[in-house]
């Protein structure tokens, strides 16, 4: 599944109006852990196809959106449902650990 690159123009449609939950990777080009998270995030996007939309948002290019979601540390992964935050993961996690966290968050958020 392709990762959606978010900006002010597509955020409403891709996140707030999405019919499936969205996992947003808030990142910056100068952030080492963000660079490590990129390939892991991309690999996992294929494993959750149809269940979860994967999206990336540069905090450098779109600080207003990062501020709206109170992003204070990156990388920050936010799971949203209809634009509403359900949970967040801050910091780099290895693939298997991140996959477990995503599954846990998805299970909890789908019951709410």
PDB file of N, CA and C in Angstrom:
ATOM      1  N   UNK A   1       0.851  -1.190   0.000  1.00  0.00           N
ATOM      2  CA  UNK A   1       0.000   0.000   0.000  1.00  0.00           C
ATOM      3  C   UNK A   1       0.887   1.241   0.000  1.00  0.00           C
ATOM      4  N   UNK A   2       0.529   2.188  -0.786  1.00  0.00           N
ATOM      5  CA  UNK A   2       1.301   3.429  -0.855  1.00  0.00           C
ATOM      6  C   UNK A   2       1.071   4.263   0.405  1.00  0.00           C
ATOM      7  N   UNK A   3       2.121   4.913   0.831  1.00  0.00           N
ATOM      8  CA  UNK A   3       2.019   5.815   1.968  1.00  0.00           C
ATOM      9  C   UNK A   3       1.556   7.166   1.445  1.00  0.00           C
ATOM     10  N   UNK A   4       0.584   7.742   2.116  1.00  0.00           N
ATOM     11  CA  UNK A   4       0.045   9.042   1.737  1.00  0.00           C
ATOM     12  C   UNK A   4       0.917  10.127   2.373  1.00  0.00           C
ATOM     13  N   UNK A   5       1.342  11.097   1.581  1.00  0.00           N
ATOM     14  CA  UNK A   5       2.099  12.230   2.105  1.00  0.00           C
ATOM     15  C   UNK A   5       1.120  13.372   2.338  1.00  0.00           C
ATOM     16  N   UNK A   6       0.971  13.742   3.607  1.00  0.00           N
ATOM     17  CA  UNK A   6      -0.038  14.711   4.001  1.00  0.00           C
ATOM     18  C   UNK A   6       0.446  16.159   3.894  1.00  0.00           C
ATOM     19  N   UNK A   7      -0.516  17.039   3.659  1.00  0.00           N
ATOM     20  CA  UNK A   7      -0.283  18.476   3.664  1.00  0.00           C
ATOM     21  C   UNK A   7      -1.609  19.150   4.005  1.00  0.00           C
ATOM     22  N   UNK A   8      -1.622  20.487   4.023  1.00  0.00           N
ATOM     23  CA  UNK A   8      -2.856  21.211   4.368  1.00  0.00           C
ATOM     24  C   UNK A   8      -3.987  20.920   3.389  1.00  0.00           C
ATOM     25  N   UNK A   9      -3.651  20.666   2.139  1.00  0.00           N
ATOM     26  CA  UNK A   9      -4.677  20.471   1.106  1.00  0.00           C
ATOM     27  C   UNK A   9      -5.372  19.114   1.203  1.00  0.00           C
ATOM     28  N   UNK A  10      -4.645  18.059   1.580  1.00  0.00           N
ATOM     29  CA  UNK A  10      -5.267  16.731   1.582  1.00  0.00           C
ATOM     30  C   UNK A  10      -5.546  16.176   2.983  1.00  0.00           C
ATOM     31  N   UNK A  11      -5.177  16.894   4.032  1.00  0.00           N
ATOM     32  CA  UNK A  11      -5.317  16.369   5.395  1.00  0.00           C
ATOM     33  C   UNK A  11      -6.772  16.054   5.743  1.00  0.00           C
ATOM     34  N   UNK A  12      -7.654  16.977   5.448  1.00  0.00           N
ATOM     35  CA  UNK A  12      -9.081  16.788   5.751  1.00  0.00           C
ATOM     36  C   UNK A  12      -9.609  15.506   5.094  1.00  0.00           C
ATOM     37  N   UNK A  13      -9.355  15.352   3.809  1.00  0.00           N
ATOM     38  CA  UNK A  13      -9.855  14.204   3.050  1.00  0.00           C
ATOM     39  C   UNK A  13      -9.188  12.892   3.480  1.00  0.00           C
ATOM     40  N   UNK A  14      -7.873  12.902   3.609  1.00  0.00           N
ATOM     41  CA  UNK A  14      -7.118  11.671   3.886  1.00  0.00           C
ATOM     42  C   UNK A  14      -7.193  11.211   5.336  1.00  0.00           C
ATOM     43  N   UNK A  15      -7.369  12.134   6.264  1.00  0.00           N
ATOM     44  CA  UNK A  15      -7.362  11.773   7.691  1.00  0.00           C
ATOM     45  C   UNK A  15      -8.748  11.908   8.306  1.00  0.00           C
ATOM     46  N   UNK A  16      -9.290  13.108   8.288  1.00  0.00           N
ATOM     47  CA  UNK A  16     -10.555  13.356   8.996  1.00  0.00           C
ATOM     48  C   UNK A  16     -11.751  12.682   8.344  1.00  0.00           C
ATOM     49  N   UNK A  17     -11.703  12.490   7.020  1.00  0.00           N
ATOM     50  CA  UNK A  17     -12.820  11.846   6.313  1.00  0.00           C
ATOM     51  C   UNK A  17     -12.519  10.397   5.925  1.00  0.00           C
ATOM     52  N   UNK A  18     -11.408   9.857   6.397  1.00  0.00           N
ATOM     53  CA  UNK A  18     -11.035   8.483   6.051  1.00  0.00           C
ATOM     54  C   UNK A  18     -12.023   7.489   6.652  1.00  0.00           C
ATOM     55  N   UNK A  19     -12.388   6.486   5.857  1.00  0.00           N
ATOM     56  CA  UNK A  19     -13.312   5.466   6.353  1.00  0.00           C
ATOM     57  C   UNK A  19     -12.591   4.343   7.098  1.00  0.00           C
ATOM     58  N   UNK A  20     -11.256   4.393   7.145  1.00  0.00           N
ATOM     59  CA  UNK A  20     -10.486   3.448   7.958  1.00  0.00           C
ATOM     60  C   UNK A  20      -9.541   4.257   8.849  1.00  0.00           C
ATOM     61  N   UNK A  21      -9.080   3.680   9.960  1.00  0.00           N
ATOM     62  CA  UNK A  21      -8.138   4.406  10.813  1.00  0.00           C
ATOM     63  C   UNK A  21      -6.871   4.774  10.039  1.00  0.00           C
ATOM     64  N   UNK A  22      -6.231   5.858  10.480  1.00  0.00           N
ATOM     65  CA  UNK A  22      -5.024   6.360   9.829  1.00  0.00           C
ATOM     66  C   UNK A  22      -3.895   6.416  10.859  1.00  0.00           C
ATOM     67  N   UNK A  23      -2.747   5.888  10.474  1.00  0.00           N
ATOM     68  CA  UNK A  23      -1.545   5.987  11.311  1.00  0.00           C
ATOM     69  C   UNK A  23      -0.660   7.049  10.672  1.00  0.00           C
ATOM     70  N   UNK A  24      -0.474   8.163  11.387  1.00  0.00           N
ATOM     71  CA  UNK A  24       0.296   9.288  10.851  1.00  0.00           C
ATOM     72  C   UNK A  24       1.681   9.289  11.491  1.00  0.00           C
ATOM     73  N   UNK A  25       2.702   9.313  10.650  1.00  0.00           N
ATOM     74  CA  UNK A  25       4.090   9.435  11.089  1.00  0.00           C
ATOM     75  C   UNK A  25       4.474  10.912  10.997  1.00  0.00           C
ATOM     76  N   UNK A  26       4.567  11.577  12.159  1.00  0.00           N
ATOM     77  CA  UNK A  26       5.045  12.960  12.214  1.00  0.00           C
ATOM     78  C   UNK A  26       6.563  12.880  12.301  1.00  0.00           C
ATOM     79  N   UNK A  27       7.260  13.513  11.346  1.00  0.00           N
ATOM     80  CA  UNK A  27       8.703  13.367  11.230  1.00  0.00           C
ATOM     81  C   UNK A  27       9.345  14.670  10.756  1.00  0.00           C
ATOM     82  N   UNK A  28      10.692  14.685  10.760  1.00  0.00           N
ATOM     83  CA  UNK A  28      11.454  15.817  10.213  1.00  0.00           C
ATOM     84  C   UNK A  28      12.739  15.279   9.597  1.00  0.00           C
ATOM     85  N   UNK A  29      13.231  15.980   8.588  1.00  0.00           N
ATOM     86  CA  UNK A  29      14.420  15.512   7.855  1.00  0.00           C
ATOM     87  C   UNK A  29      15.681  15.498   8.716  1.00  0.00           C
ATOM     88  N   UNK A  30      15.757  16.348   9.732  1.00  0.00           N
ATOM     89  CA  UNK A  30      16.950  16.453  10.578  1.00  0.00           C
ATOM     90  C   UNK A  30      16.945  15.432  11.720  1.00  0.00           C
ATOM     91  N   UNK A  31      15.877  14.666  11.866  1.00  0.00           N
ATOM     92  CA  UNK A  31      15.681  13.762  13.001  1.00  0.00           C
ATOM     93  C   UNK A  31      16.208  12.357  12.675  1.00  0.00           C
ATOM     94  N   UNK A  32      17.287  11.953  13.338  1.00  0.00           N
ATOM     95  CA  UNK A  32      17.874  10.628  13.113  1.00  0.00           C
ATOM     96  C   UNK A  32      16.909   9.479  13.350  1.00  0.00           C
ATOM     97  N   UNK A  33      16.228   9.438  14.514  1.00  0.00           N
ATOM     98  CA  UNK A  33      15.267   8.357  14.741  1.00  0.00           C
ATOM     99  C   UNK A  33      14.136   8.340  13.707  1.00  0.00           C
ATOM    100  N   UNK A  34      13.774   9.513  13.190  1.00  0.00           N
ATOM    101  CA  UNK A  34      12.745   9.577  12.133  1.00  0.00           C
ATOM    102  C   UNK A  34      13.243   8.876  10.874  1.00  0.00           C
ATOM    103  N   UNK A  35      14.508   9.080  10.557  1.00  0.00           N
ATOM    104  CA  UNK A  35      15.093   8.444   9.371  1.00  0.00           C
ATOM    105  C   UNK A  35      15.131   6.927   9.545  1.00  0.00           C
ATOM    106  N   UNK A  36      15.369   6.461  10.771  1.00  0.00           N
ATOM    107  CA  UNK A  36      15.361   5.023  11.043  1.00  0.00           C
ATOM    108  C   UNK A  36      13.945   4.464  10.963  1.00  0.00           C
ATOM    109  N   UNK A  37      12.952   5.257  11.374  1.00  0.00           N
ATOM    110  CA  UNK A  37      11.558   4.811  11.385  1.00  0.00           C
ATOM    111  C   UNK A  37      11.005   4.686   9.968  1.00  0.00           C
ATOM    112  N   UNK A  38      11.469   5.509   9.033  1.00  0.00           N
ATOM    113  CA  UNK A  38      10.934   5.532   7.666  1.00  0.00           C
ATOM    114  C   UNK A  38      10.809   4.170   7.008  1.00  0.00           C
ATOM    115  N   UNK A  39      11.913   3.391   6.910  1.00  0.00           N
ATOM    116  CA  UNK A  39      11.817   2.080   6.256  1.00  0.00           C
ATOM    117  C   UNK A  39      10.921   1.095   7.009  1.00  0.00           C
ATOM    118  N   UNK A  40      10.922   1.166   8.333  1.00  0.00           N
ATOM    119  CA  UNK A  40      10.071   0.280   9.145  1.00  0.00           C
ATOM    120  C   UNK A  40       8.602   0.610   8.876  1.00  0.00           C
ATOM    121  N   UNK A  41       8.287   1.891   8.878  1.00  0.00           N
ATOM    122  CA  UNK A  41       6.927   2.363   8.621  1.00  0.00           C
ATOM    123  C   UNK A  41       6.459   1.899   7.245  1.00  0.00           C
ATOM    124  N   UNK A  42       7.349   2.029   6.260  1.00  0.00           N
ATOM    125  CA  UNK A  42       7.016   1.623   4.892  1.00  0.00           C
ATOM    126  C   UNK A  42       6.771   0.114   4.802  1.00  0.00           C
ATOM    127  N   UNK A  43       7.622  -0.681   5.438  1.00  0.00           N
ATOM    128  CA  UNK A  43       7.443  -2.142   5.421  1.00  0.00           C
ATOM    129  C   UNK A  43       6.107  -2.535   6.038  1.00  0.00           C
ATOM    130  N   UNK A  44       5.780  -1.917   7.165  1.00  0.00           N
ATOM    131  CA  UNK A  44       4.543  -2.282   7.862  1.00  0.00           C
ATOM    132  C   UNK A  44       3.299  -1.831   7.116  1.00  0.00           C
ATOM    133  N   UNK A  45       3.419  -0.812   6.282  1.00  0.00           N
ATOM    134  CA  UNK A  45       2.243  -0.320   5.562  1.00  0.00           C
ATOM    135  C   UNK A  45       1.618  -1.417   4.701  1.00  0.00           C
ATOM    136  N   UNK A  46       2.437  -2.281   4.145  1.00  0.00           N
ATOM    137  CA  UNK A  46       1.926  -3.380   3.329  1.00  0.00           C
ATOM    138  C   UNK A  46       1.239  -4.458   4.141  1.00  0.00           C
ATOM    139  N   UNK A  47       1.638  -4.601   5.403  1.00  0.00           N
ATOM    140  CA  UNK A  47       1.077  -5.658   6.251  1.00  0.00           C
ATOM    141  C   UNK A  47      -0.301  -5.322   6.805  1.00  0.00           C
ATOM    142  N   UNK A  48      -0.661  -4.047   6.780  1.00  0.00           N
ATOM    143  CA  UNK A  48      -1.958  -3.632   7.322  1.00  0.00           C
ATOM    144  C   UNK A  48      -2.889  -3.101   6.236  1.00  0.00           C
ATOM    145  N   UNK A  49      -2.572  -3.388   4.978  1.00  0.00           N
ATOM    146  CA  UNK A  49      -3.345  -2.885   3.851  1.00  0.00           C
ATOM    147  C   UNK A  49      -4.826  -3.233   4.002  1.00  0.00           C
ATOM    148  N   UNK A  50      -5.677  -2.230   3.795  1.00  0.00           N
ATOM    149  CA  UNK A  50      -7.116  -2.421   3.902  1.00  0.00           C
ATOM    150  C   UNK A  50      -7.653  -2.235   5.307  1.00  0.00           C
ATOM    151  N   UNK A  51      -6.775  -2.306   6.306  1.00  0.00           N
ATOM    152  CA  UNK A  51      -7.179  -2.175   7.703  1.00  0.00           C
ATOM    153  C   UNK A  51      -6.803  -0.815   8.254  1.00  0.00           C
ATOM    154  N   UNK A  52      -5.686  -0.296   7.758  1.00  0.00           N
ATOM    155  CA  UNK A  52      -5.095   0.914   8.309  1.00  0.00           C
ATOM    156  C   UNK A  52      -4.401   1.687   7.201  1.00  0.00           C
ATOM    157  N   UNK A  53      -4.663   2.982   7.128  1.00  0.00           N
ATOM    158  CA  UNK A  53      -3.992   3.837   6.154  1.00  0.00           C
ATOM    159  C   UNK A  53      -2.724   4.391   6.811  1.00  0.00           C
ATOM    160  N   UNK A  54      -1.609   4.323   6.104  1.00  0.00           N
ATOM    161  CA  UNK A  54      -0.338   4.863   6.584  1.00  0.00           C
ATOM    162  C   UNK A  54      -0.085   6.200   5.900  1.00  0.00           C
ATOM    163  N   UNK A  55       0.253   7.208   6.710  1.00  0.00           N
ATOM    164  CA  UNK A  55       0.479   8.549   6.176  1.00  0.00           C
ATOM    165  C   UNK A  55       1.664   9.196   6.881  1.00  0.00           C
ATOM    166  N   UNK A  56       2.337  10.099   6.181  1.00  0.00           N
ATOM    167  CA  UNK A  56       3.474  10.817   6.745  1.00  0.00           C
ATOM    168  C   UNK A  56       3.211  12.316   6.658  1.00  0.00           C
ATOM    169  N   UNK A  57       3.665  13.024   7.709  1.00  0.00           N
ATOM    170  CA  UNK A  57       3.536  14.468   7.709  1.00  0.00           C
ATOM    171  C   UNK A  57       4.835  15.078   8.229  1.00  0.00           C
ATOM    172  N   UNK A  58       5.431  15.926   7.417  1.00  0.00           N
ATOM    173  CA  UNK A  58       6.659  16.618   7.808  1.00  0.00           C
ATOM    174  C   UNK A  58       6.312  17.752   8.766  1.00  0.00           C
ATOM    175  N   UNK A  59       6.887  17.702   9.972  1.00  0.00           N
ATOM    176  CA  UNK A  59       6.632  18.770  10.942  1.00  0.00           C
ATOM    177  C   UNK A  59       7.344  20.054  10.536  1.00  0.00           C
ATOM    178  N   UNK A  60       8.357  19.938   9.689  1.00  0.00           N
ATOM    179  CA  UNK A  60       9.056  21.128   9.184  1.00  0.00           C
ATOM    180  C   UNK A  60       8.183  21.886   8.191  1.00  0.00           C
ATOM    181  N   UNK A  61       7.528  21.144   7.299  1.00  0.00           N
ATOM    182  CA  UNK A  61       6.723  21.751   6.248  1.00  0.00           C
ATOM    183  C   UNK A  61       5.316  22.129   6.715  1.00  0.00           C
ATOM    184  N   UNK A  62       4.815  21.439   7.733  1.00  0.00           N
ATOM    185  CA  UNK A  62       3.429  21.648   8.177  1.00  0.00           C
ATOM    186  C   UNK A  62       3.343  21.735   9.703  1.00  0.00           C
ATOM    187  N   UNK A  63       4.007  22.736  10.306  1.00  0.00           N
ATOM    188  CA  UNK A  63       4.024  22.845  11.765  1.00  0.00           C
ATOM    189  C   UNK A  63       2.646  23.093  12.377  1.00  0.00           C
ATOM    190  N   UNK A  64       1.739  23.704  11.614  1.00  0.00           N
ATOM    191  CA  UNK A  64       0.404  23.996  12.148  1.00  0.00           C
ATOM    192  C   UNK A  64      -0.347  22.706  12.483  1.00  0.00           C
ATOM    193  N   UNK A  65      -0.233  21.720  11.601  1.00  0.00           N
ATOM    194  CA  UNK A  65      -0.936  20.451  11.842  1.00  0.00           C
ATOM    195  C   UNK A  65      -0.284  19.727  13.013  1.00  0.00           C
ATOM    196  N   UNK A  66       1.039  19.738  13.075  1.00  0.00           N
ATOM    197  CA  UNK A  66       1.741  19.120  14.204  1.00  0.00           C
ATOM    198  C   UNK A  66       1.318  19.783  15.512  1.00  0.00           C
ATOM    199  N   UNK A  67       1.166  21.077  15.493  1.00  0.00           N
ATOM    200  CA  UNK A  67       0.747  21.813  16.687  1.00  0.00           C
ATOM    201  C   UNK A  67      -0.691  21.453  17.065  1.00  0.00           C
ATOM    202  N   UNK A  68      -1.545  21.303  16.074  1.00  0.00           N
ATOM    203  CA  UNK A  68      -2.950  20.937  16.319  1.00  0.00           C
ATOM    204  C   UNK A  68      -3.037  19.618  17.091  1.00  0.00           C
ATOM    205  N   UNK A  69      -2.114  18.702  16.815  1.00  0.00           N
ATOM    206  CA  UNK A  69      -2.106  17.404  17.490  1.00  0.00           C
ATOM    207  C   UNK A  69      -1.110  17.349  18.652  1.00  0.00           C
ATOM    208  N   UNK A  70      -0.597  18.507  19.066  1.00  0.00           N
ATOM    209  CA  UNK A  70       0.309  18.632  20.217  1.00  0.00           C
ATOM    210  C   UNK A  70       1.529  17.720  20.110  1.00  0.00           C
ATOM    211  N   UNK A  71       2.158  17.727  18.940  1.00  0.00           N
ATOM    212  CA  UNK A  71       3.367  16.931  18.726  1.00  0.00           C
ATOM    213  C   UNK A  71       4.534  17.682  19.354  1.00  0.00           C
ATOM    214  N   UNK A  72       5.151  17.076  20.368  1.00  0.00           N
ATOM    215  CA  UNK A  72       6.287  17.707  21.041  1.00  0.00           C
ATOM    216  C   UNK A  72       7.563  16.902  20.894  1.00  0.00           C
ATOM    217  N   UNK A  73       7.457  15.671  20.447  1.00  0.00           N
ATOM    218  CA  UNK A  73       8.623  14.821  20.206  1.00  0.00           C
ATOM    219  C   UNK A  73       8.395  13.992  18.956  1.00  0.00           C
ATOM    220  N   UNK A  74       9.459  13.788  18.185  1.00  0.00           N
ATOM    221  CA  UNK A  74       9.340  12.993  16.960  1.00  0.00           C
ATOM    222  C   UNK A  74      10.446  11.946  16.926  1.00  0.00           C
ATOM    223  N   UNK A  75      10.259  10.841  16.218  1.00  0.00           N
ATOM    224  CA  UNK A  75       9.048  10.521  15.471  1.00  0.00           C
ATOM    225  C   UNK A  75       7.879  10.257  16.414  1.00  0.00           C
ATOM    226  N   UNK A  76       6.719  10.685  15.979  1.00  0.00           N
ATOM    227  CA  UNK A  76       5.487  10.425  16.719  1.00  0.00           C
ATOM    228  C   UNK A  76       4.502   9.797  15.745  1.00  0.00           C
ATOM    229  N   UNK A  77       3.980   8.657  16.119  1.00  0.00           N
ATOM    230  CA  UNK A  77       2.968   7.982  15.307  1.00  0.00           C
ATOM    231  C   UNK A  77       1.631   8.135  16.015  1.00  0.00           C
ATOM    232  N   UNK A  78       0.660   8.708  15.328  1.00  0.00           N
ATOM    233  CA  UNK A  78      -0.668   8.885  15.890  1.00  0.00           C
ATOM    234  C   UNK A  78      -1.654   8.019  15.136  1.00  0.00           C
ATOM    235  N   UNK A  79      -2.429   7.250  15.876  1.00  0.00           N
ATOM    236  CA  UNK A  79      -3.508   6.499  15.261  1.00  0.00           C
ATOM    237  C   UNK A  79      -4.762   7.339  15.419  1.00  0.00           C
ATOM    238  N   UNK A  80      -5.368   7.691  14.291  1.00  0.00           N
ATOM    239  CA  UNK A  80      -6.582   8.503  14.320  1.00  0.00           C
ATOM    240  C   UNK A  80      -7.734   7.736  13.691  1.00  0.00           C
ATOM    241  N   UNK A  81      -8.905   8.053  14.166  1.00  0.00           N
ATOM    242  CA  UNK A  81     -10.131   7.500  13.608  1.00  0.00           C
ATOM    243  C   UNK A  81     -11.052   8.695  13.398  1.00  0.00           C
ATOM    244  N   UNK A  82     -11.414   8.981  12.152  1.00  0.00           N
ATOM    245  CA  UNK A  82     -12.205  10.163  11.791  1.00  0.00           C
ATOM    246  C   UNK A  82     -11.511  11.440  12.274  1.00  0.00           C
ATOM    247  N   UNK A  83     -10.182  11.449  12.232  1.00  0.00           N
ATOM    248  CA  UNK A  83      -9.419  12.624  12.614  1.00  0.00           C
ATOM    249  C   UNK A  83      -9.167  12.769  14.103  1.00  0.00           C
ATOM    250  N   UNK A  84      -9.790  11.920  14.899  1.00  0.00           N
ATOM    251  CA  UNK A  84      -9.648  11.987  16.354  1.00  0.00           C
ATOM    252  C   UNK A  84      -8.541  11.035  16.803  1.00  0.00           C
ATOM    253  N   UNK A  85      -7.618  11.543  17.609  1.00  0.00           N
ATOM    254  CA  UNK A  85      -6.521  10.710  18.090  1.00  0.00           C
ATOM    255  C   UNK A  85      -7.030   9.620  19.016  1.00  0.00           C
ATOM    256  N   UNK A  86      -6.600   8.384  18.741  1.00  0.00           N
ATOM    257  CA  UNK A  86      -6.950   7.245  19.585  1.00  0.00           C
ATOM    258  C   UNK A  86      -5.777   6.817  20.459  1.00  0.00           C
ATOM    259  N   UNK A  87      -4.562   6.974  19.936  1.00  0.00           N
ATOM    260  CA  UNK A  87      -3.359   6.614  20.691  1.00  0.00           C
ATOM    261  C   UNK A  87      -2.152   7.159  19.954  1.00  0.00           C
ATOM    262  N   UNK A  88      -0.979   7.158  20.637  1.00  0.00           N
ATOM    263  CA  UNK A  88       0.246   7.619  19.988  1.00  0.00           C
ATOM    264  C   UNK A  88       1.437   6.821  20.494  1.00  0.00           C
ATOM    265  N   UNK A  89       2.424   6.732  19.625  1.00  0.00           N
ATOM    266  CA  UNK A  89       3.705   6.083  19.930  1.00  0.00           C
ATOM    267  C   UNK A  89       4.768   7.131  19.629  1.00  0.00           C
ATOM    268  N   UNK A  90       5.602   7.447  20.611  1.00  0.00           N
ATOM    269  CA  UNK A  90       6.654   8.441  20.404  1.00  0.00           C
ATOM    270  C   UNK A  90       8.002   7.745  20.480  1.00  0.00           C
ATOM    271  N   UNK A  91       8.860   8.014  19.497  1.00  0.00           N
ATOM    272  CA  UNK A  91      10.194   7.422  19.470  1.00  0.00           C
ATOM    273  C   UNK A  91      10.256   6.242  18.524  1.00  0.00           C
ATOM    274  N   UNK A  92      11.478   5.857  18.198  1.00  0.00           N
ATOM    275  CA  UNK A  92      11.711   4.742  17.280  1.00  0.00           C
ATOM    276  C   UNK A  92      11.457   3.416  17.968  1.00  0.00           C
ATOM    277  N   UNK A  93      10.821   2.493  17.267  1.00  0.00           N
ATOM    278  CA  UNK A  93      10.657   1.111  17.715  1.00  0.00           C
ATOM    279  C   UNK A  93      11.075   0.190  16.577  1.00  0.00           C
ATOM    280  N   UNK A  94      11.738  -0.932  16.901  1.00  0.00           N
ATOM    281  CA  UNK A  94      12.043  -1.916  15.858  1.00  0.00           C
ATOM    282  C   UNK A  94      10.743  -2.474  15.268  1.00  0.00           C
ATOM    283  N   UNK A  95      10.847  -3.029  14.075  1.00  0.00           N
ATOM    284  CA  UNK A  95       9.671  -3.470  13.312  1.00  0.00           C
ATOM    285  C   UNK A  95       8.705  -4.349  14.102  1.00  0.00           C
ATOM    286  N   UNK A  96       9.191  -5.416  14.701  1.00  0.00           N
ATOM    287  CA  UNK A  96       8.280  -6.354  15.386  1.00  0.00           C
ATOM    288  C   UNK A  96       7.613  -5.708  16.595  1.00  0.00           C
ATOM    289  N   UNK A  97       8.343  -4.884  17.307  1.00  0.00           N
ATOM    290  CA  UNK A  97       7.776  -4.189  18.465  1.00  0.00           C
ATOM    291  C   UNK A  97       6.726  -3.170  18.012  1.00  0.00           C
ATOM    292  N   UNK A  98       7.019  -2.450  16.937  1.00  0.00           N
ATOM    293  CA  UNK A  98       6.064  -1.482  16.408  1.00  0.00           C
ATOM    294  C   UNK A  98       4.813  -2.195  15.896  1.00  0.00           C
ATOM    295  N   UNK A  99       4.996  -3.318  15.229  1.00  0.00           N
ATOM    296  CA  UNK A  99       3.862  -4.097  14.720  1.00  0.00           C
ATOM    297  C   UNK A  99       2.947  -4.530  15.871  1.00  0.00           C
ATOM    298  N   UNK A 100       3.538  -4.985  16.970  1.00  0.00           N
ATOM    299  CA  UNK A 100       2.753  -5.387  18.149  1.00  0.00           C
ATOM    300  C   UNK A 100       1.986  -4.207  18.727  1.00  0.00           C
ATOM    301  N   UNK A 101       2.636  -3.053  18.808  1.00  0.00           N
ATOM    302  CA  UNK A 101       1.984  -1.856  19.337  1.00  0.00           C
ATOM    303  C   UNK A 101       0.823  -1.429  18.446  1.00  0.00           C
ATOM    304  N   UNK A 102       1.032  -1.465  17.149  1.00  0.00           N
ATOM    305  CA  UNK A 102      -0.035  -1.088  16.216  1.00  0.00           C
ATOM    306  C   UNK A 102      -1.226  -2.024  16.386  1.00  0.00           C
ATOM    307  N   UNK A 103      -0.971  -3.321  16.470  1.00  0.00           N
ATOM    308  CA  UNK A 103      -2.058  -4.297  16.649  1.00  0.00           C
ATOM    309  C   UNK A 103      -2.810  -4.035  17.948  1.00  0.00           C
ATOM    310  N   UNK A 104      -2.073  -3.742  19.022  1.00  0.00           N
ATOM    311  CA  UNK A 104      -2.697  -3.475  20.324  1.00  0.00           C
ATOM    312  C   UNK A 104      -3.579  -2.231  20.243  1.00  0.00           C
ATOM    313  N   UNK A 105      -3.040  -1.166  19.658  1.00  0.00           N
ATOM    314  CA  UNK A 105      -3.777   0.090  19.549  1.00  0.00           C
ATOM    315  C   UNK A 105      -5.007  -0.087  18.658  1.00  0.00           C
ATOM    316  N   UNK A 106      -4.843  -0.786  17.545  1.00  0.00           N
ATOM    317  CA  UNK A 106      -5.977  -1.018  16.643  1.00  0.00           C
ATOM    318  C   UNK A 106      -7.075  -1.794  17.345  1.00  0.00           C
ATOM    319  N   UNK A 107      -6.712  -2.833  18.060  1.00  0.00           N
ATOM    320  CA  UNK A 107      -7.717  -3.648  18.774  1.00  0.00           C
ATOM    321  C   UNK A 107      -8.469  -2.793  19.793  1.00  0.00           C
ATOM    322  N   UNK A 108      -7.744  -1.963  20.517  1.00  0.00           N
ATOM    323  CA  UNK A 108      -8.370  -1.110  21.530  1.00  0.00           C
ATOM    324  C   UNK A 108      -9.242  -0.022  20.883  1.00  0.00           C
ATOM    325  N   UNK A 109      -8.768   0.564  19.802  1.00  0.00           N
ATOM    326  CA  UNK A 109      -9.505   1.674  19.191  1.00  0.00           C
ATOM    327  C   UNK A 109     -10.739   1.208  18.429  1.00  0.00           C
ATOM    328  N   UNK A 110     -10.714  -0.002  17.921  1.00  0.00           N
ATOM    329  CA  UNK A 110     -11.860  -0.490  17.169  1.00  0.00           C
ATOM    330  C   UNK A 110     -13.023  -0.865  18.078  1.00  0.00           C
ATOM    331  N   UNK A 111     -12.730  -1.054  19.371  1.00  0.00           N
ATOM    332  CA  UNK A 111     -13.800  -1.352  20.311  1.00  0.00           C
ATOM    333  C   UNK A 111     -14.407  -0.086  20.886  1.00  0.00           C
ATOM    334  N   UNK A 112     -13.755   1.044  20.653  1.00  0.00           N
ATOM    335  CA  UNK A 112     -14.263   2.339  21.161  1.00  0.00           C
ATOM    336  C   UNK A 112     -15.094   3.033  20.107  1.00  0.00           C
TER     337      UNK A 112
END
